[in-house]
């Protein structure tokens, strides 16, 4: 019997551990939710402008943010310019700012975008709920680990917020993870 060199044995062992770990995760992860759906169509000209974050799933890149806003504008080159701002650590804290680009996924009615703040990385940005008058929007990711509720004003009507939460729950989001954004 031919002896396998140590380096190859170690590599095969690591590969087996990764495959086994992946299979265990897939077997124990249960998401009985249907595939996430984006809204059928978004008029990007109407979507453009300033949005206030009402609530979101906490993310590492937003740690300590208050008064969070996102501003969208259309570029002459066909993508959406994204400008995110927040005040760090308090309502009156130092402003944090980042600018990125969003690219529409073809054939999605402008409802699915890929946002890029650092080349070459792009994240999915799906508009999954949108008021007819564009007064609020809900943005999520198909893995349901990212979620933002946005409004044209820093405060949202309580009844509207409750209805959004109900629809999110029905679509498999754990709304207990939502953190309300402080604006004042």
Protein backbone atom coordinates (compact mmCIF):
# COMPACT_ATOMS: atom_id res chain seq x y z
CA UNK A 1 0.00 0.00 0.00
CA UNK A 2 1.33 3.40 -1.03
CA UNK A 3 1.73 5.90 1.81
CA UNK A 4 0.01 9.31 1.32
CA UNK A 5 2.30 12.26 2.18
CA UNK A 6 1.41 14.11 5.40
CA UNK A 7 0.50 17.36 3.59
CA UNK A 8 -2.02 15.57 1.36
CA UNK A 9 -3.48 13.66 4.33
CA UNK A 10 -3.91 16.90 6.27
CA UNK A 11 -5.56 18.58 3.27
CA UNK A 12 -7.95 15.66 2.77
CA UNK A 13 -8.77 15.63 6.47
CA UNK A 14 -9.56 19.37 6.43
CA UNK A 15 -11.69 18.95 3.34
CA UNK A 16 -13.65 16.16 5.02
CA UNK A 17 -14.19 18.30 8.13
CA UNK A 18 -15.50 21.22 6.03
CA UNK A 19 -17.83 18.99 4.02
CA UNK A 20 -19.13 17.27 7.16
CA UNK A 21 -19.65 20.63 8.92
CA UNK A 22 -21.56 21.94 5.93
CA UNK A 23 -23.79 18.88 5.84
CA UNK A 24 -24.52 19.18 9.57
CA UNK A 25 -25.41 22.86 9.21
CA UNK A 26 -27.69 22.13 6.25
CA UNK A 27 -29.37 19.27 8.10
CA UNK A 28 -29.98 21.25 11.29
CA UNK A 29 -30.96 24.57 9.70
CA UNK A 30 -34.70 24.70 9.16
CA UNK A 31 -36.15 27.62 7.32
CA UNK A 32 -39.62 26.61 6.26
CA UNK A 33 -40.26 30.08 4.85
CA UNK A 34 -41.04 30.43 1.17
CA UNK A 35 -38.45 32.09 -1.05
CA UNK A 36 -38.33 35.82 -0.36
CA UNK A 37 -40.14 37.92 -2.95
CA UNK A 38 -39.29 41.46 -3.98
CA UNK A 39 -42.00 43.92 -4.99
CA UNK A 40 -42.91 43.66 -8.69
CA UNK A 41 -41.68 47.12 -9.73
CA UNK A 42 -39.85 50.15 -8.34
CA UNK A 43 -39.81 53.54 -10.07
CA UNK A 44 -36.24 54.55 -9.24
CA UNK A 45 -36.98 58.24 -9.85
CA UNK A 46 -39.67 58.12 -7.15
CA UNK A 47 -37.47 55.95 -4.90
CA UNK A 48 -34.63 58.48 -5.10
CA UNK A 49 -34.25 60.94 -2.25
CA UNK A 50 -33.75 60.78 1.48
CA UNK A 51 -34.96 57.88 3.64
CA UNK A 52 -34.84 57.60 7.43
CA UNK A 53 -34.09 54.24 8.98
CA UNK A 54 -36.96 53.38 11.33
CA UNK A 55 -35.66 49.96 12.42
CA UNK A 56 -33.15 47.36 11.29
CA UNK A 57 -31.49 44.12 12.20
CA UNK A 58 -28.29 45.09 14.05
CA UNK A 59 -25.22 44.80 11.84
CA UNK A 60 -21.56 45.14 12.74
CA UNK A 61 -21.08 47.95 10.21
CA UNK A 62 -23.85 50.01 11.85
CA UNK A 63 -22.76 49.54 15.45
CA UNK A 64 -23.39 52.67 17.51
CA UNK A 65 -25.40 54.41 14.78
CA UNK A 66 -28.19 56.88 15.58
CA UNK A 67 -30.17 59.13 13.22
CA UNK A 68 -29.40 56.80 10.31
CA UNK A 69 -30.38 57.95 6.83
CA UNK A 70 -29.88 56.75 3.29
CA UNK A 71 -30.02 58.99 0.26
CA UNK A 72 -30.38 57.63 -3.25
CA UNK A 73 -29.84 59.44 -6.52
CA UNK A 74 -29.61 58.28 -10.11
CA UNK A 75 -26.25 58.54 -11.85
CA UNK A 76 -25.81 59.41 -15.49
CA UNK A 77 -24.07 56.04 -15.93
CA UNK A 78 -27.16 54.02 -15.03
CA UNK A 79 -26.50 53.02 -11.45
CA UNK A 80 -27.89 54.39 -8.20
CA UNK A 81 -25.67 56.48 -5.94
CA UNK A 82 -26.08 55.46 -2.28
CA UNK A 83 -25.09 57.79 0.55
CA UNK A 84 -25.52 56.47 4.09
CA UNK A 85 -25.11 58.65 7.17
CA UNK A 86 -25.46 58.21 10.89
CA UNK A 87 -24.33 59.82 14.11
CA UNK A 88 -21.95 57.56 16.02
CA UNK A 89 -22.58 56.59 19.63
CA UNK A 90 -25.30 59.20 20.30
CA UNK A 91 -27.90 61.35 18.60
CA UNK A 92 -25.44 64.26 18.69
CA UNK A 93 -22.38 62.14 17.90
CA UNK A 94 -19.92 62.61 15.09
CA UNK A 95 -21.38 61.96 11.64
CA UNK A 96 -20.30 58.78 9.90
CA UNK A 97 -20.66 58.73 6.10
CA UNK A 98 -20.18 56.19 3.36
CA UNK A 99 -20.91 56.42 -0.35
CA UNK A 100 -21.57 53.50 -2.64
CA UNK A 101 -23.27 52.35 -5.81
CA UNK A 102 -26.27 50.13 -6.43
CA UNK A 103 -26.75 48.18 -9.63
CA UNK A 104 -30.16 46.94 -10.74
CA UNK A 105 -30.44 43.22 -11.45
CA UNK A 106 -31.92 42.90 -14.94
CA UNK A 107 -35.43 41.57 -15.21
CA UNK A 108 -36.41 42.41 -11.60
CA UNK A 109 -38.48 45.53 -12.17
CA UNK A 110 -35.75 47.55 -10.40
CA UNK A 111 -36.69 45.82 -7.10
CA UNK A 112 -33.49 43.80 -6.73
CA UNK A 113 -30.21 45.66 -6.58
CA UNK A 114 -26.65 44.85 -5.69
CA UNK A 115 -25.05 47.47 -3.46
CA UNK A 116 -21.32 48.05 -3.49
CA UNK A 117 -19.46 50.12 -0.92
CA UNK A 118 -16.09 48.40 -1.33
CA UNK A 119 -14.94 46.96 -4.64
CA UNK A 120 -15.35 44.10 -5.57
CA UNK A 121 -17.93 43.18 -2.91
CA UNK A 122 -21.64 43.57 -3.66
CA UNK A 123 -24.54 42.82 -1.34
CA UNK A 124 -28.11 41.98 -2.22
CA UNK A 125 -30.56 44.82 -1.64
CA UNK A 126 -34.10 43.68 -2.30
CA UNK A 127 -37.05 46.03 -1.92
CA UNK A 128 -39.60 43.65 -0.40
CA UNK A 129 -42.33 46.08 0.65
CA UNK A 130 -43.10 49.54 -0.71
CA UNK A 131 -45.92 51.99 -0.07
CA UNK A 132 -47.91 52.98 -3.16
CA UNK A 133 -46.95 56.61 -2.46
CA UNK A 134 -43.30 55.72 -1.73
CA UNK A 135 -43.67 56.93 1.87
CA UNK A 136 -42.04 53.78 3.27
CA UNK A 137 -39.93 50.90 2.02
CA UNK A 138 -38.66 47.66 3.47
CA UNK A 139 -35.34 46.31 2.28
CA UNK A 140 -34.16 42.79 2.95
CA UNK A 141 -31.83 40.04 1.87
CA UNK A 142 -33.05 36.61 0.70
CA UNK A 143 -31.23 34.94 3.61
CA UNK A 144 -33.37 37.03 6.00
CA UNK A 145 -30.30 38.13 7.99
CA UNK A 146 -30.45 41.75 6.82
CA UNK A 147 -33.50 43.98 7.16
CA UNK A 148 -34.20 47.71 7.10
CA UNK A 149 -37.50 49.55 7.49
CA UNK A 150 -37.26 52.98 5.86
CA UNK A 151 -39.55 56.00 5.86
CA UNK A 152 -39.50 59.45 4.28
CA UNK A 153 -39.85 60.92 7.80
CA UNK A 154 -37.89 60.15 10.99
CA UNK A 155 -41.09 58.78 12.56
CA UNK A 156 -43.51 56.23 11.17
CA UNK A 157 -47.20 55.87 11.88
CA UNK A 158 -47.63 53.16 14.56
CA UNK A 159 -50.35 51.30 12.66
CA UNK A 160 -48.28 51.24 9.46
CA UNK A 161 -45.28 49.91 11.42
CA UNK A 162 -47.41 47.14 12.99
CA UNK A 163 -48.73 46.11 9.56
CA UNK A 164 -45.19 45.96 8.18
CA UNK A 165 -44.10 43.78 11.12
CA UNK A 166 -47.03 41.44 10.50
CA UNK A 167 -46.11 41.03 6.82
CA UNK A 168 -42.44 40.49 7.71
CA UNK A 169 -43.37 37.77 10.22
CA UNK A 170 -45.53 36.07 7.60
CA UNK A 171 -42.51 36.13 5.27
CA UNK A 172 -40.20 34.38 7.72
CA UNK A 173 -38.39 37.32 9.33
CA UNK A 174 -37.73 37.19 13.07
CA UNK A 175 -39.08 40.65 13.87
CA UNK A 176 -37.98 40.32 17.50
CA UNK A 177 -34.46 41.04 16.19
CA UNK A 178 -35.45 44.50 14.93
CA UNK A 179 -33.81 47.41 16.69
CA UNK A 180 -35.60 50.75 16.49
CA UNK A 181 -33.37 53.60 15.28
CA UNK A 182 -33.20 56.68 17.48
CA UNK A 183 -33.63 60.00 15.71
CA UNK A 184 -34.26 62.30 18.67
